């Protein structure tokens, strides 16, 4: 699995739906960032900001990265 915690996408998100951001209590407990599907507004601002091209529309997630849909959803089930 390839995971990254670059905050470029967090910095440009107009609705702060990417967590945990630096400074949040659980930031050091996670190896990647997650996009809250209930808060995400499909503006696309975060996609070009991601330095590793890891952000996709849900319907466009490559097959080899499909497991991340569940990992992302599980983060918000706490």
PDB file of N, CA and C in Angstrom:
ATOM      1  N   UNK A   1       0.833  -1.193   0.000  1.00  0.00           N
ATOM      2  CA  UNK A   1       0.000   0.000   0.000  1.00  0.00           C
ATOM      3  C   UNK A   1       0.869   1.245   0.000  1.00  0.00           C
ATOM      4  N   UNK A   2       0.459   2.205  -0.763  1.00  0.00           N
ATOM      5  CA  UNK A   2       1.180   3.467  -0.835  1.00  0.00           C
ATOM      6  C   UNK A   2       0.333   4.526  -0.154  1.00  0.00           C
ATOM      7  N   UNK A   3       0.877   5.145   0.878  1.00  0.00           N
ATOM      8  CA  UNK A   3       0.116   6.167   1.600  1.00  0.00           C
ATOM      9  C   UNK A   3       0.969   7.408   1.771  1.00  0.00           C
ATOM     10  N   UNK A   4       0.286   8.547   1.833  1.00  0.00           N
ATOM     11  CA  UNK A   4       1.003   9.816   1.919  1.00  0.00           C
ATOM     12  C   UNK A   4       0.225  10.790   2.783  1.00  0.00           C
ATOM     13  N   UNK A   5       0.926  11.683   3.467  1.00  0.00           N
ATOM     14  CA  UNK A   5       0.272  12.691   4.300  1.00  0.00           C
ATOM     15  C   UNK A   5       0.712  14.097   3.912  1.00  0.00           C
ATOM     16  N   UNK A   6       0.868  14.339   2.648  1.00  0.00           N
ATOM     17  CA  UNK A   6       1.180  15.683   2.185  1.00  0.00           C
ATOM     18  C   UNK A   6      -0.075  16.536   2.346  1.00  0.00           C
ATOM     19  N   UNK A   7       0.059  17.710   2.937  1.00  0.00           N
ATOM     20  CA  UNK A   7      -1.102  18.548   3.229  1.00  0.00           C
ATOM     21  C   UNK A   7      -1.490  19.542   2.151  1.00  0.00           C
ATOM     22  N   UNK A   8      -0.943  19.425   0.958  1.00  0.00           N
ATOM     23  CA  UNK A   8      -1.276  20.375  -0.108  1.00  0.00           C
ATOM     24  C   UNK A   8      -2.763  20.398  -0.406  1.00  0.00           C
ATOM     25  N   UNK A   9      -3.390  19.236  -0.383  1.00  0.00           N
ATOM     26  CA  UNK A   9      -4.831  19.164  -0.660  1.00  0.00           C
ATOM     27  C   UNK A   9      -5.635  19.800   0.471  1.00  0.00           C
ATOM     28  N   UNK A  10      -5.175  19.636   1.699  1.00  0.00           N
ATOM     29  CA  UNK A  10      -5.854  20.230   2.860  1.00  0.00           C
ATOM     30  C   UNK A  10      -5.837  21.747   2.743  1.00  0.00           C
ATOM     31  N   UNK A  11      -4.705  22.284   2.329  1.00  0.00           N
ATOM     32  CA  UNK A  11      -4.541  23.738   2.230  1.00  0.00           C
ATOM     33  C   UNK A  11      -5.496  24.388   1.234  1.00  0.00           C
ATOM     34  N   UNK A  12      -5.873  23.667   0.184  1.00  0.00           N
ATOM     35  CA  UNK A  12      -6.731  24.265  -0.842  1.00  0.00           C
ATOM     36  C   UNK A  12      -8.207  23.899  -0.711  1.00  0.00           C
ATOM     37  N   UNK A  13      -8.536  22.976   0.171  1.00  0.00           N
ATOM     38  CA  UNK A  13      -9.925  22.523   0.301  1.00  0.00           C
ATOM     39  C   UNK A  13     -10.809  23.634   0.875  1.00  0.00           C
ATOM     40  N   UNK A  14     -11.854  24.045   0.144  1.00  0.00           N
ATOM     41  CA  UNK A  14     -12.705  25.140   0.620  1.00  0.00           C
ATOM     42  C   UNK A  14     -13.681  24.743   1.728  1.00  0.00           C
ATOM     43  N   UNK A  15     -13.845  23.435   1.967  1.00  0.00           N
ATOM     44  CA  UNK A  15     -14.805  23.000   2.992  1.00  0.00           C
ATOM     45  C   UNK A  15     -14.165  22.182   4.112  1.00  0.00           C
ATOM     46  N   UNK A  16     -12.844  22.124   4.155  1.00  0.00           N
ATOM     47  CA  UNK A  16     -12.117  21.398   5.206  1.00  0.00           C
ATOM     48  C   UNK A  16     -12.639  19.980   5.413  1.00  0.00           C
ATOM     49  N   UNK A  17     -12.737  19.221   4.319  1.00  0.00           N
ATOM     50  CA  UNK A  17     -13.258  17.856   4.426  1.00  0.00           C
ATOM     51  C   UNK A  17     -12.165  16.798   4.422  1.00  0.00           C
ATOM     52  N   UNK A  18     -10.892  17.207   4.455  1.00  0.00           N
ATOM     53  CA  UNK A  18      -9.781  16.262   4.420  1.00  0.00           C
ATOM     54  C   UNK A  18      -9.158  16.197   5.811  1.00  0.00           C
ATOM     55  N   UNK A  19      -9.104  14.985   6.353  1.00  0.00           N
ATOM     56  CA  UNK A  19      -8.655  14.789   7.734  1.00  0.00           C
ATOM     57  C   UNK A  19      -7.750  13.566   7.830  1.00  0.00           C
ATOM     58  N   UNK A  20      -6.979  13.429   8.873  1.00  0.00           N
ATOM     59  CA  UNK A  20      -6.708  14.450   9.872  1.00  0.00           C
ATOM     60  C   UNK A  20      -5.685  15.446   9.348  1.00  0.00           C
ATOM     61  N   UNK A  21      -5.968  16.694   9.521  1.00  0.00           N
ATOM     62  CA  UNK A  21      -5.039  17.754   9.127  1.00  0.00           C
ATOM     63  C   UNK A  21      -3.980  17.907  10.216  1.00  0.00           C
ATOM     64  N   UNK A  22      -2.839  18.444   9.849  1.00  0.00           N
ATOM     65  CA  UNK A  22      -1.792  18.704  10.841  1.00  0.00           C
ATOM     66  C   UNK A  22      -2.387  19.538  11.963  1.00  0.00           C
ATOM     67  N   UNK A  23      -2.119  19.128  13.191  1.00  0.00           N
ATOM     68  CA  UNK A  23      -2.652  19.835  14.344  1.00  0.00           C
ATOM     69  C   UNK A  23      -3.891  19.173  14.934  1.00  0.00           C
ATOM     70  N   UNK A  24      -4.574  18.311  14.167  1.00  0.00           N
ATOM     71  CA  UNK A  24      -5.722  17.591  14.712  1.00  0.00           C
ATOM     72  C   UNK A  24      -5.212  16.490  15.641  1.00  0.00           C
ATOM     73  N   UNK A  25      -5.994  16.167  16.642  1.00  0.00           N
ATOM     74  CA  UNK A  25      -5.573  15.242  17.694  1.00  0.00           C
ATOM     75  C   UNK A  25      -5.080  13.893  17.172  1.00  0.00           C
ATOM     76  N   UNK A  26      -5.685  13.367  16.136  1.00  0.00           N
ATOM     77  CA  UNK A  26      -5.305  12.032  15.666  1.00  0.00           C
ATOM     78  C   UNK A  26      -4.350  12.045  14.465  1.00  0.00           C
ATOM     79  N   UNK A  27      -3.783  13.180  14.150  1.00  0.00           N
ATOM     80  CA  UNK A  27      -2.904  13.296  12.982  1.00  0.00           C
ATOM     81  C   UNK A  27      -1.752  12.290  13.013  1.00  0.00           C
ATOM     82  N   UNK A  28      -1.069  12.171  14.134  1.00  0.00           N
ATOM     83  CA  UNK A  28       0.091  11.285  14.226  1.00  0.00           C
ATOM     84  C   UNK A  28      -0.283   9.809  14.280  1.00  0.00           C
ATOM     85  N   UNK A  29      -1.549   9.502  14.452  1.00  0.00           N
ATOM     86  CA  UNK A  29      -1.998   8.109  14.543  1.00  0.00           C
ATOM     87  C   UNK A  29      -2.307   7.499  13.178  1.00  0.00           C
ATOM     88  N   UNK A  30      -2.276   8.282  12.126  1.00  0.00           N
ATOM     89  CA  UNK A  30      -2.647   7.799  10.797  1.00  0.00           C
ATOM     90  C   UNK A  30      -1.524   8.021   9.798  1.00  0.00           C
ATOM     91  N   UNK A  31      -1.459   7.139   8.804  1.00  0.00           N
ATOM     92  CA  UNK A  31      -0.392   7.215   7.800  1.00  0.00           C
ATOM     93  C   UNK A  31      -0.855   7.846   6.492  1.00  0.00           C
ATOM     94  N   UNK A  32      -2.106   8.260   6.443  1.00  0.00           N
ATOM     95  CA  UNK A  32      -2.619   8.911   5.242  1.00  0.00           C
ATOM     96  C   UNK A  32      -3.724   9.876   5.627  1.00  0.00           C
ATOM     97  N   UNK A  33      -4.177  10.646   4.654  1.00  0.00           N
ATOM     98  CA  UNK A  33      -5.295  11.561   4.854  1.00  0.00           C
ATOM     99  C   UNK A  33      -6.546  10.941   4.253  1.00  0.00           C
ATOM    100  N   UNK A  34      -7.710  11.399   4.720  1.00  0.00           N
ATOM    101  CA  UNK A  34      -8.990  10.840   4.288  1.00  0.00           C
ATOM    102  C   UNK A  34      -9.927  11.977   3.900  1.00  0.00           C
ATOM    103  N   UNK A  35     -10.770  11.737   2.907  1.00  0.00           N
ATOM    104  CA  UNK A  35     -11.736  12.742   2.458  1.00  0.00           C
ATOM    105  C   UNK A  35     -13.113  12.332   2.947  1.00  0.00           C
ATOM    106  N   UNK A  36     -13.752  13.212   3.710  1.00  0.00           N
ATOM    107  CA  UNK A  36     -15.079  12.920   4.245  1.00  0.00           C
ATOM    108  C   UNK A  36     -16.103  12.980   3.106  1.00  0.00           C
ATOM    109  N   UNK A  37     -16.690  11.837   2.756  1.00  0.00           N
ATOM    110  CA  UNK A  37     -17.631  11.825   1.632  1.00  0.00           C
ATOM    111  C   UNK A  37     -18.910  12.618   1.902  1.00  0.00           C
ATOM    112  N   UNK A  38     -19.244  12.831   3.172  1.00  0.00           N
ATOM    113  CA  UNK A  38     -20.440  13.606   3.508  1.00  0.00           C
ATOM    114  C   UNK A  38     -20.205  15.110   3.415  1.00  0.00           C
ATOM    115  N   UNK A  39     -18.945  15.536   3.484  1.00  0.00           N
ATOM    116  CA  UNK A  39     -18.610  16.959   3.428  1.00  0.00           C
ATOM    117  C   UNK A  39     -18.042  17.382   2.073  1.00  0.00           C
ATOM    118  N   UNK A  40     -17.529  16.429   1.324  1.00  0.00           N
ATOM    119  CA  UNK A  40     -16.913  16.709   0.024  1.00  0.00           C
ATOM    120  C   UNK A  40     -17.955  17.280  -0.932  1.00  0.00           C
ATOM    121  N   UNK A  41     -17.597  18.348  -1.644  1.00  0.00           N
ATOM    122  CA  UNK A  41     -18.564  19.021  -2.525  1.00  0.00           C
ATOM    123  C   UNK A  41     -18.257  18.834  -4.014  1.00  0.00           C
ATOM    124  N   UNK A  42     -17.358  17.927  -4.339  1.00  0.00           N
ATOM    125  CA  UNK A  42     -17.011  17.639  -5.736  1.00  0.00           C
ATOM    126  C   UNK A  42     -16.509  18.857  -6.501  1.00  0.00           C
ATOM    127  N   UNK A  43     -15.795  19.744  -5.828  1.00  0.00           N
ATOM    128  CA  UNK A  43     -15.291  20.937  -6.516  1.00  0.00           C
ATOM    129  C   UNK A  43     -14.027  20.638  -7.318  1.00  0.00           C
ATOM    130  N   UNK A  44     -13.308  19.562  -6.956  1.00  0.00           N
ATOM    131  CA  UNK A  44     -12.114  19.179  -7.686  1.00  0.00           C
ATOM    132  C   UNK A  44     -10.874  19.975  -7.365  1.00  0.00           C
ATOM    133  N   UNK A  45     -10.944  20.900  -6.431  1.00  0.00           N
ATOM    134  CA  UNK A  45      -9.793  21.745  -6.101  1.00  0.00           C
ATOM    135  C   UNK A  45      -8.619  20.932  -5.567  1.00  0.00           C
ATOM    136  N   UNK A  46      -8.899  19.880  -4.836  1.00  0.00           N
ATOM    137  CA  UNK A  46      -7.841  19.091  -4.212  1.00  0.00           C
ATOM    138  C   UNK A  46      -7.089  18.199  -5.204  1.00  0.00           C
ATOM    139  N   UNK A  47      -7.736  17.771  -6.265  1.00  0.00           N
ATOM    140  CA  UNK A  47      -7.111  16.829  -7.201  1.00  0.00           C
ATOM    141  C   UNK A  47      -5.781  17.328  -7.766  1.00  0.00           C
ATOM    142  N   UNK A  48      -5.715  18.519  -8.358  1.00  0.00           N
ATOM    143  CA  UNK A  48      -4.425  18.964  -8.892  1.00  0.00           C
ATOM    144  C   UNK A  48      -3.414  19.331  -7.802  1.00  0.00           C
ATOM    145  N   UNK A  49      -3.877  19.559  -6.589  1.00  0.00           N
ATOM    146  CA  UNK A  49      -2.966  19.909  -5.497  1.00  0.00           C
ATOM    147  C   UNK A  49      -2.232  18.693  -4.943  1.00  0.00           C
ATOM    148  N   UNK A  50      -2.756  17.510  -5.179  1.00  0.00           N
ATOM    149  CA  UNK A  50      -2.145  16.289  -4.647  1.00  0.00           C
ATOM    150  C   UNK A  50      -0.862  15.970  -5.415  1.00  0.00           C
ATOM    151  N   UNK A  51       0.292  15.923  -4.717  1.00  0.00           N
ATOM    152  CA  UNK A  51       1.564  15.710  -5.403  1.00  0.00           C
ATOM    153  C   UNK A  51       1.769  14.280  -5.905  1.00  0.00           C
ATOM    154  N   UNK A  52       0.920  13.346  -5.465  1.00  0.00           N
ATOM    155  CA  UNK A  52       1.084  11.955  -5.885  1.00  0.00           C
ATOM    156  C   UNK A  52      -0.120  11.432  -6.675  1.00  0.00           C
ATOM    157  N   UNK A  53      -0.971  12.338  -7.123  1.00  0.00           N
ATOM    158  CA  UNK A  53      -2.154  11.986  -7.919  1.00  0.00           C
ATOM    159  C   UNK A  53      -2.952  10.861  -7.256  1.00  0.00           C
ATOM    160  N   UNK A  54      -3.300  11.061  -6.000  1.00  0.00           N
ATOM    161  CA  UNK A  54      -4.019  10.039  -5.237  1.00  0.00           C
ATOM    162  C   UNK A  54      -5.484  10.382  -5.006  1.00  0.00           C
ATOM    163  N   UNK A  55      -5.966  11.471  -5.585  1.00  0.00           N
ATOM    164  CA  UNK A  55      -7.358  11.876  -5.379  1.00  0.00           C
ATOM    165  C   UNK A  55      -8.111  11.724  -6.696  1.00  0.00           C
ATOM    166  N   UNK A  56      -9.232  11.006  -6.614  1.00  0.00           N
ATOM    167  CA  UNK A  56     -10.053  10.730  -7.789  1.00  0.00           C
ATOM    168  C   UNK A  56     -11.522  10.900  -7.448  1.00  0.00           C
ATOM    169  N   UNK A  57     -12.340  11.175  -8.454  1.00  0.00           N
ATOM    170  CA  UNK A  57     -13.782  11.043  -8.293  1.00  0.00           C
ATOM    171  C   UNK A  57     -14.000   9.576  -7.934  1.00  0.00           C
ATOM    172  N   UNK A  58     -14.982   9.287  -7.091  1.00  0.00           N
ATOM    173  CA  UNK A  58     -15.187   7.905  -6.652  1.00  0.00           C
ATOM    174  C   UNK A  58     -15.350   6.941  -7.829  1.00  0.00           C
ATOM    175  N   UNK A  59     -16.050   7.352  -8.842  1.00  0.00           N
ATOM    176  CA  UNK A  59     -16.281   6.481  -9.998  1.00  0.00           C
ATOM    177  C   UNK A  59     -15.035   6.271 -10.857  1.00  0.00           C
ATOM    178  N   UNK A  60     -13.985   7.063 -10.617  1.00  0.00           N
ATOM    179  CA  UNK A  60     -12.770   6.983 -11.429  1.00  0.00           C
ATOM    180  C   UNK A  60     -11.573   6.399 -10.684  1.00  0.00           C
ATOM    181  N   UNK A  61     -11.794   5.861  -9.486  1.00  0.00           N
ATOM    182  CA  UNK A  61     -10.685   5.276  -8.723  1.00  0.00           C
ATOM    183  C   UNK A  61     -10.172   4.055  -9.494  1.00  0.00           C
ATOM    184  N   UNK A  62      -8.872   4.004  -9.786  1.00  0.00           N
ATOM    185  CA  UNK A  62      -8.319   2.861 -10.521  1.00  0.00           C
ATOM    186  C   UNK A  62      -8.563   1.547  -9.768  1.00  0.00           C
ATOM    187  N   UNK A  63      -8.697   0.471 -10.492  1.00  0.00           N
ATOM    188  CA  UNK A  63      -9.014  -0.821  -9.875  1.00  0.00           C
ATOM    189  C   UNK A  63      -7.998  -1.218  -8.812  1.00  0.00           C
ATOM    190  N   UNK A  64      -6.730  -0.905  -9.021  1.00  0.00           N
ATOM    191  CA  UNK A  64      -5.715  -1.289  -8.032  1.00  0.00           C
ATOM    192  C   UNK A  64      -5.800  -0.469  -6.742  1.00  0.00           C
ATOM    193  N   UNK A  65      -6.606   0.583  -6.728  1.00  0.00           N
ATOM    194  CA  UNK A  65      -6.758   1.422  -5.538  1.00  0.00           C
ATOM    195  C   UNK A  65      -8.154   1.323  -4.928  1.00  0.00           C
ATOM    196  N   UNK A  66      -8.982   0.416  -5.420  1.00  0.00           N
ATOM    197  CA  UNK A  66     -10.353   0.287  -4.930  1.00  0.00           C
ATOM    198  C   UNK A  66     -10.422   0.046  -3.422  1.00  0.00           C
ATOM    199  N   UNK A  67      -9.445  -0.668  -2.863  1.00  0.00           N
ATOM    200  CA  UNK A  67      -9.452  -0.953  -1.425  1.00  0.00           C
ATOM    201  C   UNK A  67      -9.435   0.333  -0.589  1.00  0.00           C
ATOM    202  N   UNK A  68      -8.926   1.415  -1.150  1.00  0.00           N
ATOM    203  CA  UNK A  68      -8.864   2.675  -0.418  1.00  0.00           C
ATOM    204  C   UNK A  68     -10.239   3.300  -0.197  1.00  0.00           C
ATOM    205  N   UNK A  69     -11.221   2.936  -1.006  1.00  0.00           N
ATOM    206  CA  UNK A  69     -12.579   3.440  -0.782  1.00  0.00           C
ATOM    207  C   UNK A  69     -13.087   2.977   0.579  1.00  0.00           C
ATOM    208  N   UNK A  70     -12.859   1.708   0.911  1.00  0.00           N
ATOM    209  CA  UNK A  70     -13.276   1.177   2.210  1.00  0.00           C
ATOM    210  C   UNK A  70     -12.425   1.768   3.334  1.00  0.00           C
ATOM    211  N   UNK A  71     -11.126   1.852   3.127  1.00  0.00           N
ATOM    212  CA  UNK A  71     -10.235   2.427   4.142  1.00  0.00           C
ATOM    213  C   UNK A  71     -10.671   3.853   4.460  1.00  0.00           C
ATOM    214  N   UNK A  72     -10.980   4.628   3.429  1.00  0.00           N
ATOM    215  CA  UNK A  72     -11.433   6.005   3.616  1.00  0.00           C
ATOM    216  C   UNK A  72     -12.752   6.040   4.381  1.00  0.00           C
ATOM    217  N   UNK A  73     -13.713   5.227   3.981  1.00  0.00           N
ATOM    218  CA  UNK A  73     -15.022   5.205   4.646  1.00  0.00           C
ATOM    219  C   UNK A  73     -14.893   4.774   6.103  1.00  0.00           C
ATOM    220  N   UNK A  74     -14.035   3.797   6.368  1.00  0.00           N
ATOM    221  CA  UNK A  74     -13.856   3.303   7.740  1.00  0.00           C
ATOM    222  C   UNK A  74     -13.331   4.387   8.681  1.00  0.00           C
ATOM    223  N   UNK A  75     -12.503   5.288   8.174  1.00  0.00           N
ATOM    224  CA  UNK A  75     -11.974   6.366   9.023  1.00  0.00           C
ATOM    225  C   UNK A  75     -13.104   7.210   9.609  1.00  0.00           C
ATOM    226  N   UNK A  76     -14.156   7.424   8.859  1.00  0.00           N
ATOM    227  CA  UNK A  76     -15.250   8.292   9.307  1.00  0.00           C
ATOM    228  C   UNK A  76     -16.348   7.538  10.056  1.00  0.00           C
ATOM    229  N   UNK A  77     -16.149   6.260  10.334  1.00  0.00           N
ATOM    230  CA  UNK A  77     -17.131   5.470  11.078  1.00  0.00           C
ATOM    231  C   UNK A  77     -16.796   5.387  12.563  1.00  0.00           C
ATOM    232  N   UNK A  78     -16.163   6.366  13.122  1.00  0.00           N
ATOM    233  CA  UNK A  78     -15.810   6.319  14.551  1.00  0.00           C
ATOM    234  C   UNK A  78     -16.755   7.124  15.393  1.00  0.00           C
TER     235      UNK A  78
END
